[in-house]
């Protein structure tokens, strides 16, 4: 299984948590940048999973990475609303994130992904392990894509205009 992590500022976005919880049978693509990337490479090496982790740096277009992945992991310590959550869901990926992520509100537990307390390492390990099952990851990814359809730019623009019209009335 291939997990994807997208984000810069690895500490706040929880890359260390993803590295610690990475199942022995899985791979992780890391798209983004951080001035302390060497620290995260060293952590992956200490954990014995550096051979299964690829640090790809910042990318101008991440669509191919979403397309290659089986699931999206974003165990953030704090994220008001990460667009990456909605992007991953729109690409048909189940999402694993924390209760500290505003985008977690889009995820139905065990249906379109998994949400856990950020300090609960065992829950993260369990969620990633569950998504190592391709059939389960596929089902959750399909459900995630159905949720994301309701948040496309046209729909959200109409909602925003309607909100302002209501406020002005």
Protein backbone atom coordinates (compact mmCIF):
# COMPACT_ATOMS: atom_id res chain seq x y z
CA UNK A 1 0.00 0.00 0.00
CA UNK A 2 1.10 3.53 -0.76
CA UNK A 3 0.26 6.31 1.67
CA UNK A 4 0.60 9.96 0.73
CA UNK A 5 1.46 12.90 2.98
CA UNK A 6 1.24 16.39 1.45
CA UNK A 7 2.28 19.47 3.37
CA UNK A 8 5.05 21.80 4.33
CA UNK A 9 5.91 22.44 7.94
CA UNK A 10 6.31 18.81 8.92
CA UNK A 11 6.18 19.25 12.68
CA UNK A 12 2.78 20.94 12.78
CA UNK A 13 1.38 18.61 10.14
CA UNK A 14 2.52 15.48 11.99
CA UNK A 15 4.95 13.83 9.60
CA UNK A 16 6.78 12.29 12.55
CA UNK A 17 3.54 10.62 13.61
CA UNK A 18 3.06 9.16 10.12
CA UNK A 19 6.63 7.86 10.06
CA UNK A 20 6.26 6.17 13.46
CA UNK A 21 2.93 4.56 12.54
CA UNK A 22 3.84 3.44 8.99
CA UNK A 23 2.97 -0.25 8.63
CA UNK A 24 5.92 -2.51 7.78
CA UNK A 25 4.25 -3.49 4.50
CA UNK A 26 3.52 0.07 3.35
CA UNK A 27 5.28 2.92 1.57
CA UNK A 28 4.97 6.65 2.20
CA UNK A 29 5.37 9.50 -0.28
CA UNK A 30 6.12 12.85 1.34
CA UNK A 31 5.33 15.84 -0.87
CA UNK A 32 6.25 19.19 0.61
CA UNK A 33 9.18 20.90 2.20
CA UNK A 34 10.60 21.64 5.59
CA UNK A 35 13.87 23.26 6.62
CA UNK A 36 14.38 20.33 9.01
CA UNK A 37 13.86 17.56 6.47
CA UNK A 38 17.12 15.90 7.50
CA UNK A 39 15.65 15.39 10.97
CA UNK A 40 12.71 13.48 9.47
CA UNK A 41 14.96 11.41 7.22
CA UNK A 42 17.00 10.51 10.30
CA UNK A 43 13.83 9.53 12.16
CA UNK A 44 12.75 7.28 9.28
CA UNK A 45 16.19 5.72 9.28
CA UNK A 46 16.09 5.09 13.05
CA UNK A 47 12.67 3.50 12.64
CA UNK A 48 13.97 1.25 9.88
CA UNK A 49 11.57 2.49 7.24
CA UNK A 50 13.67 4.98 5.27
CA UNK A 51 13.83 2.54 2.34
CA UNK A 52 10.01 2.76 2.11
CA UNK A 53 9.73 6.54 2.44
CA UNK A 54 10.30 8.95 -0.44
CA UNK A 55 10.84 12.64 0.27
CA UNK A 56 9.84 14.34 -2.98
CA UNK A 57 10.09 18.00 -2.00
CA UNK A 58 7.64 20.69 -3.02
CA UNK A 59 5.81 19.90 -6.26
CA UNK A 60 4.01 22.35 -8.54
CA UNK A 61 1.27 19.80 -9.30
CA UNK A 62 0.40 17.06 -6.84
CA UNK A 63 -2.38 15.38 -8.83
CA UNK A 64 -0.18 12.50 -10.00
CA UNK A 65 0.79 11.73 -6.41
CA UNK A 66 -2.85 11.64 -5.30
CA UNK A 67 -3.49 9.37 -8.26
CA UNK A 68 -0.69 6.99 -7.31
CA UNK A 69 -1.63 6.67 -3.64
CA UNK A 70 -4.00 4.24 -1.94
CA UNK A 71 -4.74 6.49 1.05
CA UNK A 72 -3.91 9.92 2.45
CA UNK A 73 -2.37 10.37 5.89
CA UNK A 74 -2.38 13.77 7.62
CA UNK A 75 -1.90 13.33 11.39
CA UNK A 76 -1.68 17.05 12.06
CA UNK A 77 -1.18 18.73 15.40
CA UNK A 78 -3.16 21.73 14.17
CA UNK A 79 -4.77 22.60 10.85
CA UNK A 80 -7.79 24.93 10.65
CA UNK A 81 -8.90 23.40 7.35
CA UNK A 82 -6.38 21.74 5.12
CA UNK A 83 -7.30 21.90 1.45
CA UNK A 84 -5.26 18.72 1.12
CA UNK A 85 -8.03 16.81 2.91
CA UNK A 86 -10.62 17.83 0.33
CA UNK A 87 -8.14 17.35 -2.53
CA UNK A 88 -7.38 13.80 -1.38
CA UNK A 89 -11.06 12.98 -1.00
CA UNK A 90 -11.84 14.41 -4.44
CA UNK A 91 -9.15 12.10 -5.83
CA UNK A 92 -10.87 9.10 -4.27
CA UNK A 93 -8.52 8.59 -1.34
CA UNK A 94 -9.62 7.66 2.14
CA UNK A 95 -8.17 10.11 4.65
CA UNK A 96 -6.59 9.47 8.03
CA UNK A 97 -6.31 12.62 10.14
CA UNK A 98 -6.72 13.93 13.65
CA UNK A 99 -9.41 15.73 15.58
CA UNK A 100 -7.09 18.76 15.39
CA UNK A 101 -7.82 19.15 11.66
CA UNK A 102 -10.81 21.21 10.59
CA UNK A 103 -11.20 19.00 7.54
CA UNK A 104 -11.91 16.06 9.84
CA UNK A 105 -15.53 17.25 9.87
CA UNK A 106 -15.85 15.97 6.29
CA UNK A 107 -14.87 12.43 7.23
CA UNK A 108 -17.36 9.85 8.35
CA UNK A 109 -15.51 7.46 10.66
CA UNK A 110 -14.85 4.14 8.97
CA UNK A 111 -16.86 5.19 5.90
CA UNK A 112 -14.70 7.77 4.08
CA UNK A 113 -11.64 7.65 6.33
CA UNK A 114 -10.58 7.73 9.94
CA UNK A 115 -10.22 10.46 12.53
CA UNK A 116 -8.41 9.99 15.83
CA UNK A 117 -7.02 11.99 18.72
CA UNK A 118 -3.61 13.20 17.62
CA UNK A 119 -1.94 11.78 20.70
CA UNK A 120 -3.42 8.33 20.18
CA UNK A 121 -0.58 6.57 18.36
CA UNK A 122 -2.31 3.19 18.59
CA UNK A 123 -5.37 4.55 16.78
CA UNK A 124 -3.18 5.91 13.97
CA UNK A 125 -1.39 2.57 13.68
CA UNK A 126 -4.75 0.79 13.55
CA UNK A 127 -6.19 3.13 10.94
CA UNK A 128 -3.18 2.83 8.65
CA UNK A 129 -3.21 -0.93 9.14
CA UNK A 130 -6.89 -1.10 8.18
CA UNK A 131 -6.17 0.78 4.96
CA UNK A 132 -3.54 -1.76 3.97
CA UNK A 133 -6.52 -3.83 2.85
CA UNK A 134 -7.01 -2.74 -0.79
CA UNK A 135 -10.72 -3.55 -0.84
CA UNK A 136 -11.38 -1.48 2.29
CA UNK A 137 -9.24 1.41 1.05
CA UNK A 138 -11.13 1.33 -2.24
CA UNK A 139 -14.56 1.41 -0.57
CA UNK A 140 -13.58 4.26 1.73
CA UNK A 141 -12.00 6.15 -1.16
CA UNK A 142 -15.19 5.90 -3.21
CA UNK A 143 -17.18 7.24 -0.27
CA UNK A 144 -14.67 10.08 0.18
CA UNK A 145 -15.04 11.07 -3.48
CA UNK A 146 -18.83 11.21 -3.10
CA UNK A 147 -18.44 13.60 -0.15
CA UNK A 148 -16.00 15.84 -2.02
CA UNK A 149 -18.43 16.38 -4.91
CA UNK A 150 -20.53 18.53 -2.59
CA UNK A 151 -17.61 20.92 -2.09
CA UNK A 152 -16.55 21.82 -5.62
CA UNK A 153 -15.82 25.44 -6.48
CA UNK A 154 -19.18 26.09 -8.16
CA UNK A 155 -21.18 24.66 -5.26
CA UNK A 156 -19.17 26.54 -2.65
CA UNK A 157 -19.43 29.80 -4.61
CA UNK A 158 -23.22 29.46 -4.71
CA UNK A 159 -23.29 28.75 -0.98
CA UNK A 160 -21.09 31.76 -0.20
CA UNK A 161 -23.14 34.11 -2.37
CA UNK A 162 -26.33 32.80 -0.76
CA UNK A 163 -24.87 33.37 2.70
CA UNK A 164 -23.97 36.97 1.91
CA UNK A 165 -27.33 37.62 0.27
CA UNK A 166 -29.02 36.30 3.41
CA UNK A 167 -26.87 38.47 5.64
CA UNK A 168 -27.55 41.57 3.56
CA UNK A 169 -31.30 40.95 3.57
